[in-house]
N, C-alpha and C. Protein backbone atom coordinates (compact mmCIF):
# COMPACT_ATOMS: atom_id res chain seq x y z
N PHE A 1 10.44 147.52 -34.52
CA PHE A 1 9.44 146.98 -35.42
C PHE A 1 9.27 145.48 -35.19
N LEU A 2 10.38 144.79 -35.04
CA LEU A 2 10.30 143.34 -34.83
C LEU A 2 9.60 143.03 -33.51
N GLN A 3 9.94 143.76 -32.47
CA GLN A 3 9.29 143.54 -31.17
C GLN A 3 7.79 143.81 -31.27
N ALA A 4 7.41 144.87 -31.94
CA ALA A 4 5.99 145.18 -32.11
C ALA A 4 5.30 144.06 -32.89
N TRP A 5 5.95 143.57 -33.91
CA TRP A 5 5.40 142.50 -34.74
C TRP A 5 5.20 141.23 -33.91
N ASN A 6 6.21 140.89 -33.13
CA ASN A 6 6.16 139.66 -32.33
C ASN A 6 5.16 139.73 -31.18
N THR A 7 4.87 140.93 -30.70
CA THR A 7 3.98 141.08 -29.54
C THR A 7 2.59 141.59 -29.93
N GLY A 8 2.35 141.78 -31.22
CA GLY A 8 1.03 142.22 -31.67
C GLY A 8 0.73 143.68 -31.42
N LYS A 9 1.76 144.46 -31.13
CA LYS A 9 1.57 145.90 -30.94
C LYS A 9 1.35 146.58 -32.29
N ARG A 10 0.77 147.74 -32.25
CA ARG A 10 0.49 148.49 -33.47
C ARG A 10 1.59 149.53 -33.72
N ILE A 11 1.75 149.84 -34.99
CA ILE A 11 2.69 150.87 -35.42
C ILE A 11 1.89 151.93 -36.16
N TYR A 12 2.15 153.18 -35.82
CA TYR A 12 1.48 154.31 -36.46
C TYR A 12 2.53 155.18 -37.13
N LEU A 13 2.24 155.63 -38.34
CA LEU A 13 3.12 156.51 -39.11
C LEU A 13 2.40 157.82 -39.37
N CYS A 14 3.16 158.93 -39.36
CA CYS A 14 2.54 160.20 -39.75
C CYS A 14 3.57 161.14 -40.35
N GLY A 15 3.07 162.10 -41.10
CA GLY A 15 3.88 163.12 -41.74
C GLY A 15 2.97 163.99 -42.59
N ASN A 16 3.51 165.04 -43.16
CA ASN A 16 2.76 165.98 -44.00
C ASN A 16 3.31 165.98 -45.42
N GLY A 17 2.46 166.29 -46.38
CA GLY A 17 2.90 166.42 -47.77
C GLY A 17 3.53 165.14 -48.29
N GLY A 18 4.75 165.25 -48.82
CA GLY A 18 5.45 164.07 -49.32
C GLY A 18 5.71 163.05 -48.23
N SER A 19 5.91 163.51 -47.01
CA SER A 19 6.11 162.59 -45.88
C SER A 19 4.83 161.82 -45.57
N ALA A 20 3.67 162.46 -45.78
CA ALA A 20 2.39 161.75 -45.61
C ALA A 20 2.28 160.66 -46.67
N GLY A 21 2.65 161.00 -47.90
CA GLY A 21 2.66 160.00 -48.97
C GLY A 21 3.59 158.85 -48.65
N ASN A 22 4.74 159.16 -48.08
CA ASN A 22 5.69 158.11 -47.68
C ASN A 22 5.12 157.25 -46.56
N ALA A 23 4.42 157.86 -45.62
CA ALA A 23 3.81 157.10 -44.53
C ALA A 23 2.81 156.09 -45.08
N ILE A 24 2.00 156.52 -46.03
CA ILE A 24 1.01 155.63 -46.64
C ILE A 24 1.70 154.52 -47.43
N HIS A 25 2.72 154.89 -48.19
CA HIS A 25 3.49 153.91 -48.96
C HIS A 25 4.11 152.85 -48.05
N LEU A 26 4.74 153.29 -46.98
CA LEU A 26 5.41 152.35 -46.07
C LEU A 26 4.41 151.48 -45.32
N ALA A 27 3.25 152.04 -44.97
CA ALA A 27 2.23 151.22 -44.31
C ALA A 27 1.83 150.06 -45.21
N ASN A 28 1.71 150.32 -46.49
CA ASN A 28 1.41 149.26 -47.45
C ASN A 28 2.50 148.20 -47.43
N ASP A 29 3.75 148.63 -47.49
CA ASP A 29 4.87 147.68 -47.52
C ASP A 29 4.92 146.81 -46.26
N PHE A 30 4.65 147.41 -45.11
CA PHE A 30 4.71 146.66 -43.86
C PHE A 30 3.47 145.80 -43.63
N THR A 31 2.34 146.20 -44.19
CA THR A 31 1.13 145.40 -44.07
C THR A 31 1.26 144.11 -44.85
N TYR A 32 1.80 144.20 -46.05
CA TYR A 32 1.89 143.00 -46.88
C TYR A 32 3.33 142.52 -47.06
N GLY A 33 4.20 143.35 -47.62
CA GLY A 33 5.53 142.91 -48.03
C GLY A 33 6.37 142.28 -46.94
N ALA A 34 6.36 142.88 -45.76
CA ALA A 34 7.20 142.36 -44.68
C ALA A 34 6.75 140.98 -44.23
N GLY A 35 5.47 140.69 -44.37
CA GLY A 35 4.93 139.45 -43.81
C GLY A 35 4.74 138.31 -44.78
N VAL A 36 5.28 138.41 -45.99
CA VAL A 36 5.06 137.36 -46.99
C VAL A 36 5.50 136.00 -46.47
N LYS A 37 6.69 135.92 -45.89
CA LYS A 37 7.19 134.63 -45.39
C LYS A 37 6.44 134.16 -44.15
N ARG A 38 6.10 135.09 -43.26
CA ARG A 38 5.45 134.75 -42.00
C ARG A 38 3.96 134.47 -42.19
N GLY A 39 3.41 135.01 -43.25
CA GLY A 39 1.99 134.81 -43.51
C GLY A 39 1.11 135.90 -42.95
N ILE A 40 1.70 136.84 -42.23
CA ILE A 40 0.94 137.98 -41.71
C ILE A 40 1.88 139.17 -41.56
N GLY A 41 1.39 140.33 -41.98
CA GLY A 41 2.19 141.54 -41.88
C GLY A 41 2.07 142.20 -40.52
N LEU A 42 2.61 143.39 -40.43
CA LEU A 42 2.56 144.15 -39.19
C LEU A 42 1.22 144.85 -39.05
N ARG A 43 0.83 145.10 -37.82
CA ARG A 43 -0.37 145.88 -37.54
C ARG A 43 0.04 147.35 -37.61
N ILE A 44 -0.17 147.96 -38.75
CA ILE A 44 0.37 149.29 -39.01
C ILE A 44 -0.69 150.18 -39.66
N GLU A 45 -0.63 151.45 -39.33
CA GLU A 45 -1.58 152.40 -39.90
C GLU A 45 -0.89 153.73 -40.18
N ALA A 46 -1.16 154.27 -41.36
CA ALA A 46 -0.69 155.61 -41.70
C ALA A 46 -1.79 156.60 -41.31
N LEU A 47 -1.52 157.42 -40.33
CA LEU A 47 -2.53 158.34 -39.81
C LEU A 47 -3.01 159.37 -40.83
N PRO A 48 -2.20 159.76 -41.83
CA PRO A 48 -2.72 160.71 -42.81
C PRO A 48 -3.56 160.08 -43.93
N ALA A 49 -3.82 158.79 -43.88
CA ALA A 49 -4.46 158.09 -45.00
C ALA A 49 -5.95 158.36 -45.14
N ASN A 50 -6.64 158.73 -44.08
CA ASN A 50 -8.09 158.89 -44.14
C ASN A 50 -8.45 160.38 -44.23
N ALA A 51 -8.78 160.81 -45.43
CA ALA A 51 -9.08 162.23 -45.66
C ALA A 51 -10.27 162.71 -44.84
N SER A 52 -11.26 161.86 -44.63
CA SER A 52 -12.44 162.26 -43.84
C SER A 52 -12.05 162.56 -42.40
N VAL A 53 -11.24 161.69 -41.82
CA VAL A 53 -10.79 161.90 -40.44
C VAL A 53 -9.92 163.15 -40.36
N LEU A 54 -8.97 163.29 -41.28
CA LEU A 54 -8.08 164.45 -41.26
C LEU A 54 -8.85 165.76 -41.35
N THR A 55 -9.76 165.84 -42.31
CA THR A 55 -10.46 167.11 -42.50
C THR A 55 -11.45 167.39 -41.37
N CYS A 56 -12.05 166.35 -40.82
CA CYS A 56 -12.93 166.53 -39.66
C CYS A 56 -12.15 167.10 -38.48
N LEU A 57 -11.04 166.45 -38.16
CA LEU A 57 -10.24 166.90 -37.01
C LEU A 57 -9.65 168.28 -37.26
N ALA A 58 -9.17 168.53 -38.46
CA ALA A 58 -8.60 169.85 -38.78
C ALA A 58 -9.65 170.94 -38.61
N ASN A 59 -10.85 170.67 -39.08
CA ASN A 59 -11.93 171.65 -38.99
C ASN A 59 -12.42 171.84 -37.56
N ASP A 60 -12.57 170.74 -36.83
CA ASP A 60 -13.21 170.81 -35.52
C ASP A 60 -12.27 171.13 -34.36
N ILE A 61 -11.04 170.62 -34.39
CA ILE A 61 -10.14 170.86 -33.25
C ILE A 61 -8.81 171.47 -33.65
N GLY A 62 -8.51 171.56 -34.95
CA GLY A 62 -7.29 172.21 -35.40
C GLY A 62 -6.33 171.24 -36.07
N TYR A 63 -5.67 171.75 -37.11
CA TYR A 63 -4.75 170.92 -37.87
C TYR A 63 -3.58 170.41 -37.02
N ASP A 64 -3.22 171.16 -36.01
CA ASP A 64 -2.10 170.74 -35.15
C ASP A 64 -2.42 169.47 -34.37
N LYS A 65 -3.70 169.08 -34.31
CA LYS A 65 -4.09 167.90 -33.52
C LYS A 65 -4.58 166.73 -34.39
N VAL A 66 -4.41 166.80 -35.71
CA VAL A 66 -4.97 165.74 -36.57
C VAL A 66 -4.34 164.37 -36.32
N PHE A 67 -3.10 164.34 -35.89
CA PHE A 67 -2.46 163.04 -35.60
C PHE A 67 -2.57 162.68 -34.12
N SER A 68 -2.37 163.67 -33.24
CA SER A 68 -2.39 163.38 -31.80
C SER A 68 -3.76 162.88 -31.35
N GLU A 69 -4.82 163.43 -31.90
CA GLU A 69 -6.16 162.98 -31.51
C GLU A 69 -6.40 161.54 -31.95
N GLN A 70 -5.93 161.18 -33.13
CA GLN A 70 -6.06 159.80 -33.58
C GLN A 70 -5.30 158.86 -32.65
N LEU A 71 -4.12 159.28 -32.20
CA LEU A 71 -3.35 158.45 -31.27
C LEU A 71 -4.08 158.30 -29.95
N ARG A 72 -4.67 159.38 -29.45
CA ARG A 72 -5.41 159.29 -28.18
C ARG A 72 -6.54 158.26 -28.26
N VAL A 73 -7.16 158.15 -29.43
CA VAL A 73 -8.28 157.22 -29.61
C VAL A 73 -7.80 155.79 -29.85
N LYS A 74 -6.71 155.62 -30.60
CA LYS A 74 -6.33 154.30 -31.10
C LYS A 74 -5.16 153.64 -30.39
N ALA A 75 -4.20 154.42 -29.93
CA ALA A 75 -2.92 153.87 -29.47
C ALA A 75 -2.94 153.50 -28.00
N GLU A 76 -1.99 152.67 -27.63
CA GLU A 76 -1.82 152.29 -26.22
C GLU A 76 -0.33 152.15 -25.93
N ALA A 77 -0.01 152.04 -24.66
CA ALA A 77 1.39 151.90 -24.24
C ALA A 77 2.02 150.71 -24.95
N GLY A 78 3.25 150.90 -25.39
CA GLY A 78 3.98 149.84 -26.07
C GLY A 78 3.82 149.85 -27.57
N ASP A 79 2.80 150.56 -28.09
CA ASP A 79 2.68 150.73 -29.54
C ASP A 79 3.83 151.62 -30.01
N VAL A 80 4.03 151.67 -31.31
CA VAL A 80 5.15 152.41 -31.90
C VAL A 80 4.61 153.56 -32.75
N LEU A 81 5.23 154.72 -32.61
CA LEU A 81 4.93 155.88 -33.45
C LEU A 81 6.18 156.25 -34.23
N VAL A 82 6.04 156.35 -35.55
CA VAL A 82 7.13 156.80 -36.41
C VAL A 82 6.67 158.07 -37.10
N VAL A 83 7.39 159.17 -36.87
CA VAL A 83 7.07 160.41 -37.56
C VAL A 83 8.11 160.65 -38.65
N LEU A 84 7.62 161.12 -39.78
CA LEU A 84 8.46 161.45 -40.92
C LEU A 84 8.34 162.95 -41.15
N SER A 85 9.47 163.64 -41.16
CA SER A 85 9.42 165.09 -41.32
C SER A 85 10.72 165.61 -41.90
N GLY A 86 10.61 166.54 -42.82
CA GLY A 86 11.82 167.18 -43.33
C GLY A 86 12.44 168.05 -42.26
N SER A 87 11.70 169.04 -41.79
CA SER A 87 12.23 170.00 -40.82
C SER A 87 12.22 169.50 -39.39
N GLY A 88 11.27 168.62 -39.08
CA GLY A 88 11.11 168.17 -37.69
C GLY A 88 10.37 169.18 -36.83
N ASN A 89 9.75 170.16 -37.45
CA ASN A 89 9.08 171.22 -36.69
C ASN A 89 7.60 171.39 -37.00
N SER A 90 7.02 170.56 -37.81
CA SER A 90 5.59 170.69 -38.12
C SER A 90 4.79 170.51 -36.84
N PRO A 91 3.93 171.49 -36.49
CA PRO A 91 3.22 171.42 -35.21
C PRO A 91 2.43 170.13 -35.00
N ASN A 92 1.79 169.59 -36.03
CA ASN A 92 0.99 168.38 -35.84
C ASN A 92 1.86 167.14 -35.62
N VAL A 93 3.04 167.13 -36.20
CA VAL A 93 3.95 166.00 -36.00
C VAL A 93 4.61 166.10 -34.63
N VAL A 94 4.99 167.30 -34.23
CA VAL A 94 5.54 167.52 -32.88
C VAL A 94 4.52 167.10 -31.83
N LYS A 95 3.27 167.52 -32.02
CA LYS A 95 2.20 167.17 -31.06
C LYS A 95 1.97 165.66 -31.04
N ALA A 96 2.10 165.00 -32.17
CA ALA A 96 1.97 163.54 -32.20
C ALA A 96 3.05 162.89 -31.34
N LEU A 97 4.28 163.38 -31.44
CA LEU A 97 5.37 162.84 -30.61
C LEU A 97 5.11 163.09 -29.13
N GLU A 98 4.68 164.29 -28.80
CA GLU A 98 4.37 164.59 -27.39
C GLU A 98 3.30 163.64 -26.87
N THR A 99 2.27 163.43 -27.66
CA THR A 99 1.18 162.54 -27.25
C THR A 99 1.66 161.10 -27.16
N GLY A 100 2.43 160.67 -28.14
CA GLY A 100 2.98 159.31 -28.11
C GLY A 100 3.80 159.06 -26.86
N ASN A 101 4.63 160.02 -26.50
CA ASN A 101 5.43 159.88 -25.28
C ASN A 101 4.54 159.83 -24.04
N GLU A 102 3.51 160.68 -24.00
CA GLU A 102 2.58 160.69 -22.86
C GLU A 102 1.86 159.35 -22.72
N LEU A 103 1.55 158.72 -23.84
CA LEU A 103 0.82 157.45 -23.83
C LEU A 103 1.71 156.24 -23.55
N GLY A 104 3.02 156.44 -23.49
CA GLY A 104 3.94 155.33 -23.26
C GLY A 104 4.28 154.56 -24.51
N MET A 105 4.15 155.22 -25.65
CA MET A 105 4.52 154.59 -26.92
C MET A 105 6.03 154.63 -27.09
N VAL A 106 6.55 153.80 -27.97
CA VAL A 106 7.93 153.89 -28.42
C VAL A 106 7.91 154.86 -29.59
N THR A 107 8.70 155.94 -29.52
CA THR A 107 8.63 156.98 -30.54
C THR A 107 9.93 157.08 -31.33
N LEU A 108 9.76 157.17 -32.65
CA LEU A 108 10.88 157.31 -33.57
C LEU A 108 10.62 158.49 -34.49
N ALA A 109 11.68 159.11 -34.97
CA ALA A 109 11.56 160.19 -35.94
C ALA A 109 12.63 160.03 -37.00
N ILE A 110 12.23 160.20 -38.25
CA ILE A 110 13.18 160.26 -39.36
C ILE A 110 13.08 161.68 -39.87
N VAL A 111 14.14 162.46 -39.63
CA VAL A 111 14.12 163.90 -39.90
C VAL A 111 15.38 164.33 -40.64
N ALA A 112 15.28 165.50 -41.26
CA ALA A 112 16.42 166.08 -41.98
C ALA A 112 16.66 167.50 -41.45
N TYR A 113 17.26 168.32 -42.29
CA TYR A 113 17.64 169.69 -41.92
C TYR A 113 18.32 169.67 -40.55
N GLU A 114 17.85 170.46 -39.59
CA GLU A 114 18.47 170.48 -38.26
C GLU A 114 17.82 169.48 -37.30
N GLY A 115 16.78 168.84 -37.75
CA GLY A 115 16.09 167.84 -36.92
C GLY A 115 14.93 168.39 -36.12
N GLY A 116 14.98 169.68 -35.82
CA GLY A 116 13.88 170.35 -35.13
C GLY A 116 13.48 169.72 -33.81
N ARG A 117 12.26 170.03 -33.40
CA ARG A 117 11.73 169.52 -32.12
C ARG A 117 11.58 168.00 -32.15
N CYS A 118 11.31 167.45 -33.32
CA CYS A 118 11.14 165.99 -33.41
C CYS A 118 12.41 165.26 -33.00
N LYS A 119 13.54 165.80 -33.37
CA LYS A 119 14.81 165.18 -32.99
C LYS A 119 14.97 165.17 -31.48
N GLU A 120 14.49 166.22 -30.83
CA GLU A 120 14.58 166.31 -29.37
C GLU A 120 13.57 165.41 -28.66
N LEU A 121 12.37 165.29 -29.22
CA LEU A 121 11.28 164.59 -28.55
C LEU A 121 11.28 163.08 -28.77
N ALA A 122 11.74 162.64 -29.92
CA ALA A 122 11.69 161.20 -30.23
C ALA A 122 12.67 160.43 -29.34
N GLN A 123 12.22 159.30 -28.85
CA GLN A 123 13.11 158.43 -28.08
C GLN A 123 14.22 157.87 -28.97
N HIS A 124 13.90 157.68 -30.24
CA HIS A 124 14.85 157.12 -31.20
C HIS A 124 14.85 157.99 -32.46
N PRO A 125 15.60 159.10 -32.45
CA PRO A 125 15.65 159.95 -33.64
C PRO A 125 16.67 159.44 -34.65
N MET A 126 16.32 159.55 -35.91
CA MET A 126 17.26 159.27 -36.99
C MET A 126 17.36 160.57 -37.79
N HIS A 127 18.49 161.25 -37.63
CA HIS A 127 18.65 162.59 -38.19
C HIS A 127 19.64 162.56 -39.35
N PHE A 128 19.18 163.05 -40.50
CA PHE A 128 20.04 163.22 -41.67
C PHE A 128 20.22 164.71 -41.89
N PRO A 129 21.42 165.26 -41.69
CA PRO A 129 21.63 166.70 -41.85
C PRO A 129 21.68 167.11 -43.32
N ILE A 130 20.58 166.86 -44.02
CA ILE A 130 20.43 167.17 -45.44
C ILE A 130 19.51 168.38 -45.53
N HIS A 131 19.86 169.33 -46.37
CA HIS A 131 19.04 170.53 -46.53
C HIS A 131 18.36 170.55 -47.89
N ASP A 132 17.73 169.44 -48.24
CA ASP A 132 17.03 169.28 -49.50
C ASP A 132 15.82 168.39 -49.23
N MET A 133 14.61 168.95 -49.38
CA MET A 133 13.40 168.22 -49.00
C MET A 133 13.22 166.93 -49.80
N GLN A 134 13.51 166.97 -51.09
CA GLN A 134 13.31 165.77 -51.89
C GLN A 134 14.26 164.65 -51.47
N VAL A 135 15.49 164.99 -51.17
CA VAL A 135 16.44 163.98 -50.68
C VAL A 135 16.00 163.48 -49.30
N ALA A 136 15.51 164.39 -48.46
CA ALA A 136 15.02 163.99 -47.14
C ALA A 136 13.88 162.98 -47.28
N GLU A 137 12.96 163.23 -48.20
CA GLU A 137 11.85 162.31 -48.41
C GLU A 137 12.32 160.99 -49.01
N ASP A 138 13.31 161.05 -49.89
CA ASP A 138 13.90 159.81 -50.43
C ASP A 138 14.49 158.97 -49.30
N LEU A 139 15.18 159.62 -48.37
CA LEU A 139 15.80 158.90 -47.26
C LEU A 139 14.76 158.23 -46.37
N GLN A 140 13.61 158.87 -46.19
CA GLN A 140 12.54 158.24 -45.41
C GLN A 140 12.16 156.89 -46.02
N LEU A 141 11.99 156.87 -47.34
CA LEU A 141 11.62 155.62 -48.01
C LEU A 141 12.76 154.61 -47.97
N ILE A 142 13.98 155.07 -48.15
CA ILE A 142 15.12 154.15 -48.11
C ILE A 142 15.19 153.46 -46.75
N VAL A 143 15.10 154.24 -45.68
CA VAL A 143 15.14 153.66 -44.33
C VAL A 143 13.97 152.70 -44.14
N GLY A 144 12.78 153.12 -44.53
CA GLY A 144 11.61 152.25 -44.39
C GLY A 144 11.75 150.97 -45.17
N HIS A 145 12.25 151.07 -46.39
CA HIS A 145 12.43 149.87 -47.22
C HIS A 145 13.51 148.95 -46.65
N MET A 146 14.55 149.52 -46.08
CA MET A 146 15.59 148.69 -45.46
C MET A 146 15.02 147.91 -44.27
N ILE A 147 14.22 148.58 -43.44
CA ILE A 147 13.61 147.90 -42.29
C ILE A 147 12.64 146.83 -42.78
N MET A 148 11.82 147.17 -43.76
CA MET A 148 10.86 146.20 -44.29
C MET A 148 11.58 144.97 -44.85
N ARG A 149 12.63 145.20 -45.58
CA ARG A 149 13.37 144.09 -46.19
C ARG A 149 13.98 143.19 -45.11
N GLN A 150 14.52 143.80 -44.07
CA GLN A 150 15.10 143.01 -42.98
C GLN A 150 14.03 142.18 -42.28
N LEU A 151 12.87 142.76 -42.05
CA LEU A 151 11.77 142.01 -41.44
C LEU A 151 11.32 140.87 -42.35
N TYR A 152 11.27 141.13 -43.65
CA TYR A 152 10.93 140.07 -44.61
C TYR A 152 11.90 138.91 -44.49
N GLU A 153 13.20 139.23 -44.42
CA GLU A 153 14.23 138.18 -44.32
C GLU A 153 14.10 137.40 -43.02
N LEU A 154 13.75 138.09 -41.93
CA LEU A 154 13.60 137.41 -40.64
C LEU A 154 12.34 136.56 -40.60
N GLY A 155 11.33 136.97 -41.42
CA GLY A 155 10.06 136.27 -41.58
C GLY A 155 9.77 135.34 -40.51
């Protein structure tokens, strides 16, 4: 995150359900909160935030491609992709990681349960062997808030 911030690279977040909500929440924190001291936040986007884009892509090319297609349009090598998933097996999140790796992005996953395909595909997986979705989603926010707070301190 710090390297992306210092070099002007973009960070993309994605997930489904509560993880989508967490992606949107964390994008807000990194856009503003992390950059208070520096005067500018990170260039970050939560891919599930735009309902028009999501429903268009889901309808026209399939729900499994709602994140990967956005990455193909917006991302470039050296950008960062963070996927949030309880199981690590959601087809659209797995496809986002595959696409991110193909594009030369730095890929991270915060996953629970057994970690699924996301644990295997992410260059930097963070796996919590928790079998409770609500706790898994809480951990996503805790990790995100810890990173945001550290970036704020480094300002």
